[in-house]
Amino acid sequence: MHHDIDIQQHDHPSADDLANISRQFRALNDQQSGVFPSKALHQIAYSPDRQIVGGLVGDISWGWLHIDTLWVAESYRLSGIGTSLMDRAKAEAIAMDVE
């Protein structure tokens, strides 16, 4: 056990810290299982007046499409925005030959 390690809870970790953890995780998995193409997904739906009304955050990696967050503003729900966001993510995965 490493008694000199300081573990802290962060409610708002920095983007750099999160990216570093993800990079290290991917490197380990790539080393263990082979390199798979990967891509971050950040899709944002805008209203005509450029307000954000929906979005999708996820990634394509290790042969999988992973959706972390899918959100559509209440006033735009049932308008097909969520379906469009998912369809676009799926199309990206298919283009990368991911199941």
PDB file of N, CA and C in Angstrom:
ATOM      1  N   MET A   1       0.845  -1.186   0.000  1.00  0.00           N
ATOM      2  CA  MET A   1       0.000   0.000   0.000  1.00  0.00           C
ATOM      3  C   MET A   1       0.885   1.242   0.000  1.00  0.00           C
ATOM      4  N   HIS A   2       0.509   2.247  -0.757  1.00  0.00           N
ATOM      5  CA  HIS A   2       1.282   3.482  -0.885  1.00  0.00           C
ATOM      6  C   HIS A   2       0.725   4.531   0.068  1.00  0.00           C
ATOM      7  N   HIS A   3       1.369   4.682   1.204  1.00  0.00           N
ATOM      8  CA  HIS A   3       0.880   5.630   2.218  1.00  0.00           C
ATOM      9  C   HIS A   3       1.207   7.073   1.895  1.00  0.00           C
ATOM     10  N   ASP A   4       2.101   7.301   0.928  1.00  0.00           N
ATOM     11  CA  ASP A   4       2.470   8.670   0.596  1.00  0.00           C
ATOM     12  C   ASP A   4       1.633   9.239  -0.552  1.00  0.00           C
ATOM     13  N   ILE A   5       0.659   8.498  -1.033  1.00  0.00           N
ATOM     14  CA  ILE A   5      -0.196   8.949  -2.132  1.00  0.00           C
ATOM     15  C   ILE A   5      -1.366   9.738  -1.547  1.00  0.00           C
ATOM     16  N   ASP A   6      -1.653  10.886  -2.122  1.00  0.00           N
ATOM     17  CA  ASP A   6      -2.743  11.758  -1.685  1.00  0.00           C
ATOM     18  C   ASP A   6      -3.909  11.614  -2.658  1.00  0.00           C
ATOM     19  N   ILE A   7      -5.000  10.997  -2.247  1.00  0.00           N
ATOM     20  CA  ILE A   7      -6.183  10.823  -3.085  1.00  0.00           C
ATOM     21  C   ILE A   7      -7.213  11.857  -2.664  1.00  0.00           C
ATOM     22  N   GLN A   8      -7.712  12.606  -3.650  1.00  0.00           N
ATOM     23  CA  GLN A   8      -8.653  13.688  -3.379  1.00  0.00           C
ATOM     24  C   GLN A   8      -9.901  13.544  -4.243  1.00  0.00           C
ATOM     25  N   GLN A   9     -11.029  13.949  -3.700  1.00  0.00           N
ATOM     26  CA  GLN A   9     -12.272  14.047  -4.446  1.00  0.00           C
ATOM     27  C   GLN A   9     -12.301  15.416  -5.123  1.00  0.00           C
ATOM     28  N   HIS A  10     -12.588  15.449  -6.425  1.00  0.00           N
ATOM     29  CA  HIS A  10     -12.674  16.702  -7.164  1.00  0.00           C
ATOM     30  C   HIS A  10     -14.062  16.812  -7.776  1.00  0.00           C
ATOM     31  N   ASP A  11     -14.810  17.817  -7.381  1.00  0.00           N
ATOM     32  CA  ASP A  11     -16.127  18.038  -7.977  1.00  0.00           C
ATOM     33  C   ASP A  11     -16.013  18.610  -9.381  1.00  0.00           C
ATOM     34  N   HIS A  12     -14.914  19.334  -9.642  1.00  0.00           N
ATOM     35  CA  HIS A  12     -14.702  19.951 -10.955  1.00  0.00           C
ATOM     36  C   HIS A  12     -13.241  19.786 -11.370  1.00  0.00           C
ATOM     37  N   PRO A  13     -12.859  18.567 -11.756  1.00  0.00           N
ATOM     38  CA  PRO A  13     -11.468  18.360 -12.162  1.00  0.00           C
ATOM     39  C   PRO A  13     -11.163  19.132 -13.445  1.00  0.00           C
ATOM     40  N   SER A  14      -9.904  19.432 -13.638  1.00  0.00           N
ATOM     41  CA  SER A  14      -9.513  20.179 -14.835  1.00  0.00           C
ATOM     42  C   SER A  14      -9.635  19.276 -16.063  1.00  0.00           C
ATOM     43  N   ALA A  15      -9.872  19.893 -17.192  1.00  0.00           N
ATOM     44  CA  ALA A  15      -9.953  19.158 -18.462  1.00  0.00           C
ATOM     45  C   ALA A  15      -8.628  18.459 -18.743  1.00  0.00           C
ATOM     46  N   ASP A  16      -7.511  19.096 -18.395  1.00  0.00           N
ATOM     47  CA  ASP A  16      -6.204  18.482 -18.610  1.00  0.00           C
ATOM     48  C   ASP A  16      -6.030  17.216 -17.768  1.00  0.00           C
ATOM     49  N   ASP A  17      -6.484  17.264 -16.494  1.00  0.00           N
ATOM     50  CA  ASP A  17      -6.369  16.080 -15.637  1.00  0.00           C
ATOM     51  C   ASP A  17      -7.213  14.932 -16.185  1.00  0.00           C
ATOM     52  N   LEU A  18      -8.437  15.229 -16.614  1.00  0.00           N
ATOM     53  CA  LEU A  18      -9.304  14.188 -17.173  1.00  0.00           C
ATOM     54  C   LEU A  18      -8.711  13.618 -18.461  1.00  0.00           C
ATOM     55  N   ALA A  19      -8.170  14.487 -19.303  1.00  0.00           N
ATOM     56  CA  ALA A  19      -7.558  14.030 -20.556  1.00  0.00           C
ATOM     57  C   ALA A  19      -6.348  13.150 -20.266  1.00  0.00           C
ATOM     58  N   ASN A  20      -5.555  13.501 -19.268  1.00  0.00           N
ATOM     59  CA  ASN A  20      -4.384  12.711 -18.902  1.00  0.00           C
ATOM     60  C   ASN A  20      -4.793  11.317 -18.435  1.00  0.00           C
ATOM     61  N   ILE A  21      -5.812  11.228 -17.586  1.00  0.00           N
ATOM     62  CA  ILE A  21      -6.284   9.929 -17.110  1.00  0.00           C
ATOM     63  C   ILE A  21      -6.784   9.098 -18.283  1.00  0.00           C
ATOM     64  N   SER A  22      -7.557   9.702 -19.162  1.00  0.00           N
ATOM     65  CA  SER A  22      -8.080   8.982 -20.331  1.00  0.00           C
ATOM     66  C   SER A  22      -6.964   8.507 -21.237  1.00  0.00           C
ATOM     67  N   ARG A  23      -5.964   9.363 -21.461  1.00  0.00           N
ATOM     68  CA  ARG A  23      -4.827   9.001 -22.311  1.00  0.00           C
ATOM     69  C   ARG A  23      -4.090   7.789 -21.735  1.00  0.00           C
ATOM     70  N   GLN A  24      -3.854   7.819 -20.431  1.00  0.00           N
ATOM     71  CA  GLN A  24      -3.147   6.714 -19.780  1.00  0.00           C
ATOM     72  C   GLN A  24      -3.966   5.424 -19.853  1.00  0.00           C
ATOM     73  N   PHE A  25      -5.272   5.531 -19.654  1.00  0.00           N
ATOM     74  CA  PHE A  25      -6.165   4.385 -19.725  1.00  0.00           C
ATOM     75  C   PHE A  25      -6.158   3.779 -21.128  1.00  0.00           C
ATOM     76  N   ARG A  26      -6.266   4.652 -22.135  1.00  0.00           N
ATOM     77  CA  ARG A  26      -6.251   4.176 -23.524  1.00  0.00           C
ATOM     78  C   ARG A  26      -4.918   3.503 -23.864  1.00  0.00           C
ATOM     79  N   ALA A  27      -3.818   4.092 -23.409  1.00  0.00           N
ATOM     80  CA  ALA A  27      -2.498   3.526 -23.700  1.00  0.00           C
ATOM     81  C   ALA A  27      -2.372   2.120 -23.107  1.00  0.00           C
ATOM     82  N   LEU A  28      -2.846   1.936 -21.888  1.00  0.00           N
ATOM     83  CA  LEU A  28      -2.796   0.612 -21.262  1.00  0.00           C
ATOM     84  C   LEU A  28      -3.654  -0.378 -22.040  1.00  0.00           C
ATOM     85  N   ASN A  29      -4.867   0.017 -22.375  1.00  0.00           N
ATOM     86  CA  ASN A  29      -5.750  -0.881 -23.119  1.00  0.00           C
ATOM     87  C   ASN A  29      -5.207  -1.181 -24.512  1.00  0.00           C
ATOM     88  N   ASP A  30      -4.649  -0.189 -25.170  1.00  0.00           N
ATOM     89  CA  ASP A  30      -4.048  -0.418 -26.483  1.00  0.00           C
ATOM     90  C   ASP A  30      -2.897  -1.411 -26.380  1.00  0.00           C
ATOM     91  N   GLN A  31      -2.107  -1.288 -25.328  1.00  0.00           N
ATOM     92  CA  GLN A  31      -0.979  -2.192 -25.117  1.00  0.00           C
ATOM     93  C   GLN A  31      -1.478  -3.622 -24.880  1.00  0.00           C
ATOM     94  N   GLN A  32      -2.557  -3.766 -24.138  1.00  0.00           N
ATOM     95  CA  GLN A  32      -3.070  -5.085 -23.779  1.00  0.00           C
ATOM     96  C   GLN A  32      -3.893  -5.738 -24.888  1.00  0.00           C
ATOM     97  N   SER A  33      -4.630  -4.929 -25.660  1.00  0.00           N
ATOM     98  CA  SER A  33      -5.588  -5.515 -26.605  1.00  0.00           C
ATOM     99  C   SER A  33      -5.350  -5.132 -28.060  1.00  0.00           C
ATOM    100  N   GLY A  34      -4.360  -4.338 -28.320  1.00  0.00           N
ATOM    101  CA  GLY A  34      -4.136  -3.876 -29.685  1.00  0.00           C
ATOM    102  C   GLY A  34      -4.776  -2.515 -29.888  1.00  0.00           C
ATOM    103  N   VAL A  35      -4.276  -1.799 -30.843  1.00  0.00           N
ATOM    104  CA  VAL A  35      -4.745  -0.439 -31.075  1.00  0.00           C
ATOM    105  C   VAL A  35      -6.004  -0.472 -31.938  1.00  0.00           C
ATOM    106  N   PHE A  36      -7.041   0.185 -31.459  1.00  0.00           N
ATOM    107  CA  PHE A  36      -8.267   0.369 -32.210  1.00  0.00           C
ATOM    108  C   PHE A  36      -8.397   1.842 -32.533  1.00  0.00           C
ATOM    109  N   PRO A  37      -8.969   2.167 -33.686  1.00  0.00           N
ATOM    110  CA  PRO A  37      -9.198   3.584 -33.962  1.00  0.00           C
ATOM    111  C   PRO A  37     -10.164   4.157 -32.925  1.00  0.00           C
ATOM    112  N   SER A  38      -9.942   5.394 -32.534  1.00  0.00           N
ATOM    113  CA  SER A  38     -10.837   6.020 -31.565  1.00  0.00           C
ATOM    114  C   SER A  38     -11.130   7.452 -31.992  1.00  0.00           C
ATOM    115  N   LYS A  39     -12.245   7.942 -31.512  1.00  0.00           N
ATOM    116  CA  LYS A  39     -12.682   9.283 -31.865  1.00  0.00           C
ATOM    117  C   LYS A  39     -13.624   9.788 -30.784  1.00  0.00           C
ATOM    118  N   ALA A  40     -13.408  11.018 -30.346  1.00  0.00           N
ATOM    119  CA  ALA A  40     -14.331  11.653 -29.407  1.00  0.00           C
ATOM    120  C   ALA A  40     -15.544  12.163 -30.181  1.00  0.00           C
ATOM    121  N   LEU A  41     -16.705  12.077 -29.563  1.00  0.00           N
ATOM    122  CA  LEU A  41     -17.928  12.603 -30.161  1.00  0.00           C
ATOM    123  C   LEU A  41     -18.429  13.761 -29.313  1.00  0.00           C
ATOM    124  N   HIS A  42     -18.579  14.905 -29.942  1.00  0.00           N
ATOM    125  CA  HIS A  42     -19.126  16.099 -29.288  1.00  0.00           C
ATOM    126  C   HIS A  42     -20.072  16.753 -30.282  1.00  0.00           C
ATOM    127  N   GLN A  43     -21.333  16.427 -30.197  1.00  0.00           N
ATOM    128  CA  GLN A  43     -22.321  16.970 -31.123  1.00  0.00           C
ATOM    129  C   GLN A  43     -23.216  17.944 -30.368  1.00  0.00           C
ATOM    130  N   ILE A  44     -23.442  19.096 -30.960  1.00  0.00           N
ATOM    131  CA  ILE A  44     -24.270  20.125 -30.327  1.00  0.00           C
ATOM    132  C   ILE A  44     -25.354  20.553 -31.299  1.00  0.00           C
ATOM    133  N   ALA A  45     -26.599  20.582 -30.815  1.00  0.00           N
ATOM    134  CA  ALA A  45     -27.743  21.028 -31.616  1.00  0.00           C
ATOM    135  C   ALA A  45     -28.057  22.471 -31.237  1.00  0.00           C
ATOM    136  N   TYR A  46     -28.153  23.327 -32.249  1.00  0.00           N
ATOM    137  CA  TYR A  46     -28.422  24.750 -32.036  1.00  0.00           C
ATOM    138  C   TYR A  46     -29.786  25.128 -32.613  1.00  0.00           C
ATOM    139  N   SER A  47     -30.483  26.011 -31.921  1.00  0.00           N
ATOM    140  CA  SER A  47     -31.724  26.574 -32.449  1.00  0.00           C
ATOM    141  C   SER A  47     -31.358  27.627 -33.495  1.00  0.00           C
ATOM    142  N   PRO A  48     -32.350  28.124 -34.261  1.00  0.00           N
ATOM    143  CA  PRO A  48     -32.040  29.156 -35.259  1.00  0.00           C
ATOM    144  C   PRO A  48     -31.372  30.409 -34.667  1.00  0.00           C
ATOM    145  N   ASP A  49     -31.641  30.697 -33.384  1.00  0.00           N
ATOM    146  CA  ASP A  49     -30.998  31.863 -32.755  1.00  0.00           C
ATOM    147  C   ASP A  49     -29.708  31.493 -32.025  1.00  0.00           C
ATOM    148  N   ARG A  50     -29.145  30.314 -32.351  1.00  0.00           N
ATOM    149  CA  ARG A  50     -27.846  29.822 -31.877  1.00  0.00           C
ATOM    150  C   ARG A  50     -27.817  29.480 -30.385  1.00  0.00           C
ATOM    151  N   GLN A  51     -28.966  29.150 -29.815  1.00  0.00           N
ATOM    152  CA  GLN A  51     -29.010  28.653 -28.443  1.00  0.00           C
ATOM    153  C   GLN A  51     -28.794  27.135 -28.487  1.00  0.00           C
ATOM    154  N   ILE A  52     -28.093  26.608 -27.513  1.00  0.00           N
ATOM    155  CA  ILE A  52     -27.890  25.165 -27.448  1.00  0.00           C
ATOM    156  C   ILE A  52     -29.185  24.520 -26.963  1.00  0.00           C
ATOM    157  N   VAL A  53     -29.713  23.597 -27.769  1.00  0.00           N
ATOM    158  CA  VAL A  53     -30.967  22.927 -27.425  1.00  0.00           C
ATOM    159  C   VAL A  53     -30.792  21.416 -27.274  1.00  0.00           C
ATOM    160  N   GLY A  54     -29.589  20.941 -27.461  1.00  0.00           N
ATOM    161  CA  GLY A  54     -29.334  19.521 -27.284  1.00  0.00           C
ATOM    162  C   GLY A  54     -27.882  19.193 -27.531  1.00  0.00           C
ATOM    163  N   GLY A  55     -27.514  17.999 -27.148  1.00  0.00           N
ATOM    164  CA  GLY A  55     -26.146  17.586 -27.387  1.00  0.00           C
ATOM    165  C   GLY A  55     -25.902  16.139 -27.039  1.00  0.00           C
ATOM    166  N   LEU A  56     -24.825  15.641 -27.576  1.00  0.00           N
ATOM    167  CA  LEU A  56     -24.396  14.271 -27.341  1.00  0.00           C
ATOM    168  C   LEU A  56     -22.893  14.300 -27.084  1.00  0.00           C
ATOM    169  N   VAL A  57     -22.470  13.600 -26.040  1.00  0.00           N
ATOM    170  CA  VAL A  57     -21.055  13.475 -25.708  1.00  0.00           C
ATOM    171  C   VAL A  57     -20.758  11.992 -25.558  1.00  0.00           C
ATOM    172  N   GLY A  58     -19.744  11.543 -26.214  1.00  0.00           N
ATOM    173  CA  GLY A  58     -19.359  10.143 -26.126  1.00  0.00           C
ATOM    174  C   GLY A  58     -18.066   9.905 -26.869  1.00  0.00           C
ATOM    175  N   ASP A  59     -17.833   8.653 -27.201  1.00  0.00           N
ATOM    176  CA  ASP A  59     -16.641   8.332 -27.974  1.00  0.00           C
ATOM    177  C   ASP A  59     -16.822   6.994 -28.671  1.00  0.00           C
ATOM    178  N   ILE A  60     -15.975   6.800 -29.638  1.00  0.00           N
ATOM    179  CA  ILE A  60     -15.878   5.531 -30.334  1.00  0.00           C
ATOM    180  C   ILE A  60     -14.481   5.014 -30.029  1.00  0.00           C
ATOM    181  N   SER A  61     -14.415   3.876 -29.355  1.00  0.00           N
ATOM    182  CA  SER A  61     -13.100   3.328 -29.025  1.00  0.00           C
ATOM    183  C   SER A  61     -13.213   1.846 -28.718  1.00  0.00           C
ATOM    184  N   TRP A  62     -12.104   1.139 -28.959  1.00  0.00           N
ATOM    185  CA  TRP A  62     -11.992  -0.297 -28.732  1.00  0.00           C
ATOM    186  C   TRP A  62     -13.144  -1.059 -29.382  1.00  0.00           C
ATOM    187  N   GLY A  63     -13.594  -0.581 -30.528  1.00  0.00           N
ATOM    188  CA  GLY A  63     -14.626  -1.275 -31.267  1.00  0.00           C
ATOM    189  C   GLY A  63     -16.043  -1.023 -30.774  1.00  0.00           C
ATOM    190  N   TRP A  64     -16.220  -0.010 -29.928  1.00  0.00           N
ATOM    191  CA  TRP A  64     -17.537   0.269 -29.362  1.00  0.00           C
ATOM    192  C   TRP A  64     -17.899   1.738 -29.502  1.00  0.00           C
ATOM    193  N   LEU A  65     -19.189   1.977 -29.648  1.00  0.00           N
ATOM    194  CA  LEU A  65     -19.750   3.322 -29.559  1.00  0.00           C
ATOM    195  C   LEU A  65     -20.259   3.495 -28.138  1.00  0.00           C
ATOM    196  N   HIS A  66     -19.767   4.493 -27.437  1.00  0.00           N
ATOM    197  CA  HIS A  66     -20.174   4.755 -26.059  1.00  0.00           C
ATOM    198  C   HIS A  66     -20.769   6.151 -25.972  1.00  0.00           C
ATOM    199  N   ILE A  67     -22.001   6.245 -25.522  1.00  0.00           N
ATOM    200  CA  ILE A  67     -22.652   7.536 -25.321  1.00  0.00           C
ATOM    201  C   ILE A  67     -22.634   7.829 -23.830  1.00  0.00           C
ATOM    202  N   ASP A  68     -21.979   8.904 -23.466  1.00  0.00           N
ATOM    203  CA  ASP A  68     -21.912   9.313 -22.063  1.00  0.00           C
ATOM    204  C   ASP A  68     -23.114  10.184 -21.705  1.00  0.00           C
ATOM    205  N   THR A  69     -23.435  11.138 -22.572  1.00  0.00           N
ATOM    206  CA  THR A  69     -24.510  12.090 -22.291  1.00  0.00           C
ATOM    207  C   THR A  69     -25.304  12.354 -23.557  1.00  0.00           C
ATOM    208  N   LEU A  70     -26.612  12.304 -23.434  1.00  0.00           N
ATOM    209  CA  LEU A  70     -27.527  12.702 -24.501  1.00  0.00           C
ATOM    210  C   LEU A  70     -28.582  13.567 -23.850  1.00  0.00           C
ATOM    211  N   TRP A  71     -28.709  14.809 -24.310  1.00  0.00           N
ATOM    212  CA  TRP A  71     -29.645  15.741 -23.701  1.00  0.00           C
ATOM    213  C   TRP A  71     -30.326  16.569 -24.783  1.00  0.00           C
ATOM    214  N   VAL A  72     -31.631  16.799 -24.606  1.00  0.00           N
ATOM    215  CA  VAL A  72     -32.401  17.699 -25.465  1.00  0.00           C
ATOM    216  C   VAL A  72     -33.250  18.571 -24.549  1.00  0.00           C
ATOM    217  N   ALA A  73     -33.238  19.884 -24.804  1.00  0.00           N
ATOM    218  CA  ALA A  73     -34.029  20.818 -24.010  1.00  0.00           C
ATOM    219  C   ALA A  73     -35.502  20.405 -24.042  1.00  0.00           C
ATOM    220  N   GLU A  74     -36.175  20.587 -22.923  1.00  0.00           N
ATOM    221  CA  GLU A  74     -37.556  20.125 -22.798  1.00  0.00           C
ATOM    222  C   GLU A  74     -38.456  20.647 -23.908  1.00  0.00           C
ATOM    223  N   SER A  75     -38.300  21.898 -24.281  1.00  0.00           N
ATOM    224  CA  SER A  75     -39.174  22.478 -25.302  1.00  0.00           C
ATOM    225  C   SER A  75     -38.911  21.912 -26.703  1.00  0.00           C
ATOM    226  N   TYR A  76     -37.817  21.160 -26.874  1.00  0.00           N
ATOM    227  CA  TYR A  76     -37.486  20.574 -28.175  1.00  0.00           C
ATOM    228  C   TYR A  76     -37.622  19.049 -28.194  1.00  0.00           C
ATOM    229  N   ARG A  77     -38.037  18.476 -27.071  1.00  0.00           N
ATOM    230  CA  ARG A  77     -38.186  17.023 -27.016  1.00  0.00           C
ATOM    231  C   ARG A  77     -39.329  16.575 -27.913  1.00  0.00           C
ATOM    232  N   LEU A  78     -39.225  15.377 -28.412  1.00  0.00           N
ATOM    233  CA  LEU A  78     -40.181  14.770 -29.355  1.00  0.00           C
ATOM    234  C   LEU A  78     -40.153  15.452 -30.718  1.00  0.00           C
ATOM    235  N   SER A  79     -39.072  16.203 -30.993  1.00  0.00           N
ATOM    236  CA  SER A  79     -38.923  16.869 -32.298  1.00  0.00           C
ATOM    237  C   SER A  79     -37.963  16.119 -33.215  1.00  0.00           C
ATOM    238  N   GLY A  80     -37.368  15.040 -32.718  1.00  0.00           N
ATOM    239  CA  GLY A  80     -36.438  14.258 -33.522  1.00  0.00           C
ATOM    240  C   GLY A  80     -34.980  14.629 -33.315  1.00  0.00           C
ATOM    241  N   ILE A  81     -34.695  15.607 -32.466  1.00  0.00           N
ATOM    242  CA  ILE A  81     -33.304  16.028 -32.256  1.00  0.00           C
ATOM    243  C   ILE A  81     -32.493  14.898 -31.617  1.00  0.00           C
ATOM    244  N   GLY A  82     -33.026  14.259 -30.594  1.00  0.00           N
ATOM    245  CA  GLY A  82     -32.314  13.165 -29.940  1.00  0.00           C
ATOM    246  C   GLY A  82     -32.030  12.029 -30.910  1.00  0.00           C
ATOM    247  N   THR A  83     -33.029  11.682 -31.723  1.00  0.00           N
ATOM    248  CA  THR A  83     -32.847  10.642 -32.729  1.00  0.00           C
ATOM    249  C   THR A  83     -31.770  11.045 -33.731  1.00  0.00           C
ATOM    250  N   SER A  84     -31.794  12.306 -34.149  1.00  0.00           N
ATOM    251  CA  SER A  84     -30.780  12.782 -35.105  1.00  0.00           C
ATOM    252  C   SER A  84     -29.379  12.714 -34.505  1.00  0.00           C
ATOM    253  N   LEU A  85     -29.244  13.100 -33.248  1.00  0.00           N
ATOM    254  CA  LEU A  85     -27.938  13.026 -32.592  1.00  0.00           C
ATOM    255  C   LEU A  85     -27.455  11.579 -32.530  1.00  0.00           C
ATOM    256  N   MET A  86     -28.348  10.665 -32.145  1.00  0.00           N
ATOM    257  CA  MET A  86     -27.963   9.249 -32.080  1.00  0.00           C
ATOM    258  C   MET A  86     -27.642   8.695 -33.461  1.00  0.00           C
ATOM    259  N   ASP A  87     -28.439   9.061 -34.462  1.00  0.00           N
ATOM    260  CA  ASP A  87     -28.177   8.594 -35.824  1.00  0.00           C
ATOM    261  C   ASP A  87     -26.814   9.060 -36.324  1.00  0.00           C
ATOM    262  N   ARG A  88     -26.463  10.305 -36.014  1.00  0.00           N
ATOM    263  CA  ARG A  88     -25.156  10.820 -36.443  1.00  0.00           C
ATOM    264  C   ARG A  88     -24.022  10.087 -35.732  1.00  0.00           C
ATOM    265  N   ALA A  89     -24.196   9.808 -34.435  1.00  0.00           N
ATOM    266  CA  ALA A  89     -23.169   9.065 -33.702  1.00  0.00           C
ATOM    267  C   ALA A  89     -23.011   7.665 -34.283  1.00  0.00           C
ATOM    268  N   LYS A  90     -24.132   7.020 -34.563  1.00  0.00           N
ATOM    269  CA  LYS A  90     -24.098   5.684 -35.145  1.00  0.00           C
ATOM    270  C   LYS A  90     -23.412   5.705 -36.512  1.00  0.00           C
ATOM    271  N   ALA A  91     -23.698   6.713 -37.316  1.00  0.00           N
ATOM    272  CA  ALA A  91     -23.058   6.834 -38.627  1.00  0.00           C
ATOM    273  C   ALA A  91     -21.551   6.997 -38.489  1.00  0.00           C
ATOM    274  N   GLU A  92     -21.110   7.759 -37.501  1.00  0.00           N
ATOM    275  CA  GLU A  92     -19.673   7.908 -37.265  1.00  0.00           C
ATOM    276  C   GLU A  92     -19.049   6.552 -36.916  1.00  0.00           C
ATOM    277  N   ALA A  93     -19.733   5.784 -36.065  1.00  0.00           N
ATOM    278  CA  ALA A  93     -19.227   4.480 -35.668  1.00  0.00           C
ATOM    279  C   ALA A  93     -19.163   3.537 -36.870  1.00  0.00           C
ATOM    280  N   ILE A  94     -20.206   3.537 -37.670  1.00  0.00           N
ATOM    281  CA  ILE A  94     -20.235   2.667 -38.862  1.00  0.00           C
ATOM    282  C   ILE A  94     -19.097   3.055 -39.814  1.00  0.00           C
ATOM    283  N   ALA A  95     -18.853   4.355 -39.963  1.00  0.00           N
ATOM    284  CA  ALA A  95     -17.759   4.805 -40.832  1.00  0.00           C
ATOM    285  C   ALA A  95     -16.412   4.305 -40.339  1.00  0.00           C
ATOM    286  N   MET A  96     -16.307   4.078 -39.031  1.00  0.00           N
ATOM    287  CA  MET A  96     -15.064   3.541 -38.460  1.00  0.00           C
ATOM    288  C   MET A  96     -15.107   2.022 -38.371  1.00  0.00           C
ATOM    289  N   ASP A  97     -16.149   1.409 -38.949  1.00  0.00           N
ATOM    290  CA  ASP A  97     -16.300  -0.043 -38.963  1.00  0.00           C
ATOM    291  C   ASP A  97     -16.422  -0.614 -37.562  1.00  0.00           C
ATOM    292  N   VAL A  98     -17.255   0.039 -36.749  1.00  0.00           N
ATOM    293  CA  VAL A  98     -17.500  -0.375 -35.377  1.00  0.00           C
ATOM    294  C   VAL A  98     -18.890  -0.972 -35.284  1.00  0.00           C
ATOM    295  N   GLU A  99     -19.050  -1.977 -34.491  1.00  0.00           N
ATOM    296  CA  GLU A  99     -20.359  -2.602 -34.294  1.00  0.00           C
ATOM    297  C   GLU A  99     -21.154  -1.812 -33.278  1.00  0.00           C
TER     298      GLU A  99
END
